[in-house]
Amino acid sequence: MRLTWTAFTELLRCTLLGHLRNRLALALAVAFIPLWIAVARLCTSDAVVRITLDAISASVSVPASRVAQVASALGAVTMVAGFVTFIETFRSRQMDRRLLLAGYPRLPMLLAKLAAVALTAALLALYSTVLLWISLPVHHAVPLGLALAGAGLAYGGIGLLLGSLVPGELEGFFLIIMLSLVDTGLQNPVFNTLMDVVGVSALPLYGVNQLALSSALTPHIPWSHGLLSLTWSAATGALALLVLHTHRPSRSPVSRRTGVRAG
């Protein structure tokens, strides 16, 4: 039990320190999110559009710029959370192998990474909610923040899984960018007015997008839709655990030769 707790706290500390040392990740978190919201505000007209929200089973008329800002905030949080988690997971592979060879238990290692994803998503959500509160007349800030946190959790879990699987950084970046662009594009009711694309409800951002738009732009709060992102986060976390469990780290060729000579 003591080793389990030590493994968890040590891995959590190392993961968070890795995030803080990553200047690109910090720059993305601090600068990209407000920039993306500002671009949506400046480049989208204030013309009133009628959008359909499945979560409240109704159509609402709101300025297009407000919808675009909420959708852009969701997209920025997903991309930053996915990038940050992927980079840290990918670059810590060798250290994780060494810890496994040293006898560290697997489950606390993954739980520490999931806890780091949750903390990252919470901070990004808080930051983005404050920015939207300044830029928009938000109806319900707390549900909006929870929706943004759910988006970060979903794509943080995807970044964790990709960081454990893909062979190179370029492949991981490409997959995160493409999935995020497709997801946010289909979920944005300014572009996809009818929201009738087959399978759109199965995408990671569907539930949190409905919760975010409803909470920010209407008096309604569809809490149940926010739980859908937890399903994605749990599924990707479980798959990452499976990858870590099935992976059997082997000593490097140099270590094996050294062992043979010593014998």
Protein backbone atom coordinates (compact mmCIF):
# COMPACT_ATOMS: atom_id res chain seq x y z
CA MET A 1 0.00 0.00 0.00
CA ARG A 2 2.82 2.38 0.85
CA LEU A 3 4.59 1.68 -2.46
CA THR A 4 1.30 2.23 -4.30
CA TRP A 5 0.77 5.65 -2.73
CA THR A 6 4.43 6.58 -3.30
CA ALA A 7 4.18 5.59 -6.96
CA PHE A 8 1.01 7.64 -7.40
CA THR A 9 2.31 10.83 -5.76
CA GLU A 10 5.72 10.62 -7.42
CA LEU A 11 4.25 10.08 -10.91
CA LEU A 12 1.71 12.85 -10.39
CA ARG A 13 4.45 15.25 -9.29
CA CYS A 14 6.68 14.34 -12.24
CA THR A 15 3.81 14.67 -14.73
CA LEU A 16 2.77 18.10 -13.45
CA LEU A 17 6.38 19.29 -13.44
CA GLY A 18 6.67 18.05 -17.02
CA HIS A 19 3.68 20.19 -17.97
CA LEU A 20 5.20 23.25 -16.28
CA ARG A 21 8.55 22.77 -18.03
CA ASN A 22 6.87 22.50 -21.43
CA ARG A 23 7.01 26.07 -22.71
CA LEU A 24 4.98 25.27 -25.83
CA ALA A 25 2.18 23.85 -23.70
CA LEU A 26 2.18 26.90 -21.42
CA ALA A 27 2.16 29.25 -24.41
CA LEU A 28 -0.77 27.36 -25.93
CA ALA A 29 -2.72 27.45 -22.69
CA VAL A 30 -2.10 31.13 -21.94
CA ALA A 31 -2.20 32.66 -25.43
CA PHE A 32 -4.05 30.33 -27.79
CA ILE A 33 -7.36 30.12 -25.90
CA PRO A 34 -8.03 33.90 -25.63
CA LEU A 35 -6.71 34.41 -29.16
CA TRP A 36 -9.07 31.79 -30.58
CA ILE A 37 -12.05 33.28 -28.73
CA ALA A 38 -11.11 36.77 -29.96
CA VAL A 39 -10.81 35.56 -33.56
CA ALA A 40 -14.28 34.01 -33.33
CA ARG A 41 -15.69 37.26 -31.96
CA LEU A 42 -14.06 39.45 -34.62
CA CYS A 43 -14.62 37.20 -37.63
CA THR A 44 -18.26 36.23 -36.99
CA SER A 45 -21.12 38.61 -37.55
CA ASP A 46 -23.64 39.60 -34.89
CA ALA A 47 -26.50 38.53 -37.13
CA VAL A 48 -29.10 36.50 -35.26
CA VAL A 49 -29.17 32.83 -36.23
CA ARG A 50 -31.61 30.13 -35.24
CA ILE A 51 -29.91 27.00 -33.90
CA THR A 52 -31.33 23.69 -32.75
CA LEU A 53 -30.19 22.29 -29.41
CA ASP A 54 -31.04 18.62 -28.92
CA ALA A 55 -30.32 18.85 -25.21
CA ILE A 56 -33.29 21.14 -24.57
CA SER A 57 -35.35 19.90 -27.54
CA ALA A 58 -35.83 23.42 -28.83
CA SER A 59 -34.56 26.01 -31.29
CA VAL A 60 -33.17 29.31 -30.04
CA SER A 61 -32.29 32.58 -31.80
CA VAL A 62 -28.95 34.06 -30.75
CA PRO A 63 -26.20 36.20 -32.32
CA ALA A 64 -23.83 34.06 -34.38
CA SER A 65 -20.77 35.60 -32.71
CA ARG A 66 -21.85 34.31 -29.29
CA VAL A 67 -22.30 30.78 -30.58
CA ALA A 68 -18.93 30.95 -32.34
CA GLN A 69 -17.13 32.09 -29.19
CA VAL A 70 -18.49 29.23 -27.08
CA ALA A 71 -17.67 26.72 -29.82
CA SER A 72 -14.18 28.19 -30.25
CA ALA A 73 -13.52 27.98 -26.51
CA LEU A 74 -14.47 24.29 -26.58
CA GLY A 75 -12.22 23.71 -29.58
CA ALA A 76 -9.28 25.51 -27.97
CA VAL A 77 -9.61 23.58 -24.71
CA THR A 78 -9.78 20.25 -26.53
CA MET A 79 -6.72 20.98 -28.65
CA VAL A 80 -4.61 22.28 -25.76
CA ALA A 81 -5.62 19.44 -23.42
CA GLY A 82 -4.95 16.86 -26.13
CA PHE A 83 -1.55 18.34 -27.04
CA VAL A 84 -0.36 18.80 -23.46
CA THR A 85 -1.30 15.28 -22.39
CA PHE A 86 0.02 13.65 -25.56
CA ILE A 87 3.41 15.39 -25.41
CA GLU A 88 3.97 14.54 -21.75
CA THR A 89 2.84 10.91 -22.17
CA PHE A 90 4.92 10.38 -25.31
CA ARG A 91 8.09 11.90 -23.86
CA SER A 92 7.83 10.04 -20.56
CA ARG A 93 7.71 6.57 -22.14
CA GLN A 94 11.32 5.72 -21.36
CA MET A 95 10.97 6.86 -17.75
CA ASP A 96 7.77 4.81 -17.38
CA ARG A 97 9.59 1.72 -18.65
CA ARG A 98 12.38 2.25 -16.14
CA LEU A 99 9.91 2.64 -13.30
CA LEU A 100 8.12 -0.56 -14.32
CA LEU A 101 11.45 -2.40 -14.40
CA ALA A 102 12.21 -0.99 -10.95
CA GLY A 103 9.03 -2.60 -9.62
CA TYR A 104 6.61 0.32 -9.57
CA PRO A 105 2.97 -0.90 -9.83
CA ARG A 106 1.18 -0.13 -13.10
CA LEU A 107 -2.21 0.99 -11.84
CA PRO A 108 -1.00 3.91 -9.65
CA MET A 109 1.13 5.11 -12.56
CA LEU A 110 -1.88 5.41 -14.84
CA LEU A 111 -4.08 6.85 -12.10
CA ALA A 112 -1.46 9.58 -11.57
CA LYS A 113 -1.58 10.42 -15.28
CA LEU A 114 -5.39 10.52 -15.19
CA ALA A 115 -5.27 12.80 -12.14
CA ALA A 116 -2.90 15.11 -14.04
CA VAL A 117 -5.35 15.13 -16.97
CA ALA A 118 -8.19 16.08 -14.60
CA LEU A 119 -6.19 18.91 -13.01
CA THR A 120 -5.14 20.23 -16.42
CA ALA A 121 -8.73 20.11 -17.70
CA ALA A 122 -10.00 21.92 -14.59
CA LEU A 123 -7.45 24.75 -14.91
CA LEU A 124 -8.10 25.18 -18.65
CA ALA A 125 -11.85 25.20 -18.01
CA LEU A 126 -11.57 27.83 -15.26
CA TYR A 127 -9.42 30.05 -17.47
CA SER A 128 -11.72 29.69 -20.49
CA THR A 129 -14.87 30.30 -18.42
CA VAL A 130 -13.44 33.57 -17.09
CA LEU A 131 -12.59 34.66 -20.65
CA LEU A 132 -16.08 33.84 -21.89
CA TRP A 133 -17.64 35.57 -18.88
CA ILE A 134 -15.73 38.74 -19.82
CA SER A 135 -16.62 38.47 -23.50
CA LEU A 136 -20.23 37.27 -23.30
CA PRO A 137 -23.40 37.63 -21.26
CA VAL A 138 -23.23 34.07 -19.87
CA HIS A 139 -26.41 32.68 -18.30
CA HIS A 140 -24.85 29.92 -16.15
CA ALA A 141 -21.08 30.06 -15.57
CA VAL A 142 -20.69 26.92 -13.44
CA PRO A 143 -22.32 24.48 -15.92
CA LEU A 144 -20.36 26.16 -18.71
CA GLY A 145 -17.13 25.58 -16.79
CA LEU A 146 -18.05 21.95 -16.19
CA ALA A 147 -18.74 21.52 -19.90
CA LEU A 148 -15.32 22.96 -20.77
CA ALA A 149 -13.71 20.69 -18.16
CA GLY A 150 -15.51 17.72 -19.71
CA ALA A 151 -14.11 18.64 -23.12
CA GLY A 152 -10.61 18.79 -21.63
CA LEU A 153 -11.11 15.43 -19.93
CA ALA A 154 -12.30 13.77 -23.12
CA TYR A 155 -9.42 14.97 -25.27
CA GLY A 156 -6.92 14.64 -22.45
CA GLY A 157 -7.87 10.97 -22.32
CA ILE A 158 -7.43 10.73 -26.09
CA GLY A 159 -4.00 12.37 -25.79
CA LEU A 160 -3.06 9.90 -23.05
CA LEU A 161 -4.06 6.96 -25.22
CA LEU A 162 -2.28 8.26 -28.33
CA GLY A 163 0.83 9.03 -26.30
CA SER A 164 0.92 5.37 -25.27
CA LEU A 165 0.34 4.00 -28.78
CA VAL A 166 1.66 6.09 -31.68
CA PRO A 167 5.27 5.62 -32.83
CA GLY A 168 6.09 9.33 -33.30
CA GLU A 169 5.12 12.85 -32.25
CA LEU A 170 4.06 13.88 -35.76
CA GLU A 171 1.47 11.11 -35.99
CA GLY A 172 0.03 12.04 -32.61
CA PHE A 173 -0.18 15.75 -33.45
CA PHE A 174 -1.88 14.97 -36.77
CA LEU A 175 -4.48 12.70 -35.18
CA ILE A 176 -5.33 15.17 -32.41
CA ILE A 177 -5.62 18.09 -34.85
CA MET A 178 -7.78 16.18 -37.33
CA LEU A 179 -10.10 14.69 -34.71
CA SER A 180 -10.48 18.05 -32.95
CA LEU A 181 -11.17 19.95 -36.19
CA VAL A 182 -13.74 17.43 -37.41
CA ASP A 183 -15.40 17.23 -34.00
CA THR A 184 -15.63 20.98 -33.37
CA GLY A 185 -16.67 21.67 -36.95
CA LEU A 186 -19.59 19.24 -36.85
CA GLN A 187 -20.66 20.38 -33.37
CA ASN A 188 -20.70 24.09 -34.28
CA PRO A 189 -24.33 24.99 -35.05
CA VAL A 190 -23.26 28.09 -37.02
CA PHE A 191 -21.70 25.81 -39.64
CA ASN A 192 -23.85 22.72 -39.12
CA THR A 193 -27.19 24.44 -38.56
CA LEU A 194 -29.41 21.38 -38.57
CA MET A 195 -27.00 19.18 -36.56
CA ASP A 196 -28.33 16.23 -38.55
CA VAL A 197 -25.07 14.60 -39.64
CA VAL A 198 -25.21 10.86 -39.00
CA GLY A 199 -23.07 9.87 -36.01
CA VAL A 200 -22.49 13.39 -34.69
CA SER A 201 -23.91 12.40 -31.31
CA ALA A 202 -21.21 9.72 -30.96
CA LEU A 203 -18.35 12.22 -31.14
CA PRO A 204 -16.48 13.22 -27.95
CA LEU A 205 -17.71 16.83 -27.87
CA TYR A 206 -21.41 16.23 -28.51
CA GLY A 207 -22.56 16.16 -24.88
CA VAL A 208 -20.35 18.98 -23.58
CA ASN A 209 -21.11 21.11 -26.64
CA GLN A 210 -24.85 20.82 -25.93
CA LEU A 211 -24.29 21.59 -22.24
CA ALA A 212 -21.99 24.55 -22.99
CA LEU A 213 -24.26 26.17 -25.57
CA SER A 214 -27.39 25.64 -23.48
CA SER A 215 -25.76 26.94 -20.29
CA ALA A 216 -24.15 29.96 -21.92
CA LEU A 217 -26.96 31.05 -24.24
CA THR A 218 -30.22 29.86 -22.64
CA PRO A 219 -31.74 29.60 -19.14
CA HIS A 220 -31.71 25.77 -19.39
CA ILE A 221 -29.05 23.41 -17.98
CA PRO A 222 -29.07 19.89 -19.51
CA TRP A 223 -26.86 18.23 -16.88
CA SER A 224 -27.20 14.72 -18.30
CA HIS A 225 -25.42 15.64 -21.54
CA GLY A 226 -22.32 16.64 -19.62
CA LEU A 227 -21.87 13.06 -18.44
CA LEU A 228 -21.20 11.87 -22.00
CA SER A 229 -17.68 13.30 -21.93
CA LEU A 230 -16.95 11.25 -18.81
CA THR A 231 -17.78 8.15 -20.83
CA TRP A 232 -15.15 9.09 -23.40
CA SER A 233 -12.60 9.91 -20.71
CA ALA A 234 -13.26 6.63 -18.89
CA ALA A 235 -13.05 4.63 -22.13
CA THR A 236 -9.74 6.17 -23.25
CA GLY A 237 -8.32 5.85 -19.74
CA ALA A 238 -9.30 2.18 -19.63
CA LEU A 239 -7.68 1.58 -23.02
CA ALA A 240 -4.50 3.33 -21.86
CA LEU A 241 -4.51 1.10 -18.76
CA LEU A 242 -4.89 -1.94 -21.02
CA VAL A 243 -1.93 -0.80 -23.14
CA LEU A 244 0.19 -0.26 -20.02
CA HIS A 245 -0.91 -3.60 -18.54
CA THR A 246 -0.15 -5.62 -21.68
CA HIS A 247 3.18 -3.87 -22.30
CA ARG A 248 6.08 -5.86 -20.94
CA PRO A 249 9.16 -3.61 -20.76
CA SER A 250 12.42 -5.27 -21.71
CA ARG A 251 15.91 -4.21 -20.87
CA SER A 252 17.88 -2.43 -23.54
CA PRO A 253 20.42 -4.42 -25.62
CA VAL A 254 23.23 -2.65 -23.74
CA SER A 255 21.79 -3.76 -20.40
CA ARG A 256 21.38 -7.33 -21.63
CA ARG A 257 24.98 -7.47 -22.88
CA THR A 258 26.20 -6.07 -19.57
CA GLY A 259 24.21 -8.72 -17.72
CA VAL A 260 25.65 -11.51 -19.86
CA ARG A 261 29.21 -10.33 -19.30
CA ALA A 262 28.64 -10.03 -15.58
CA GLY A 263 27.34 -13.58 -15.56
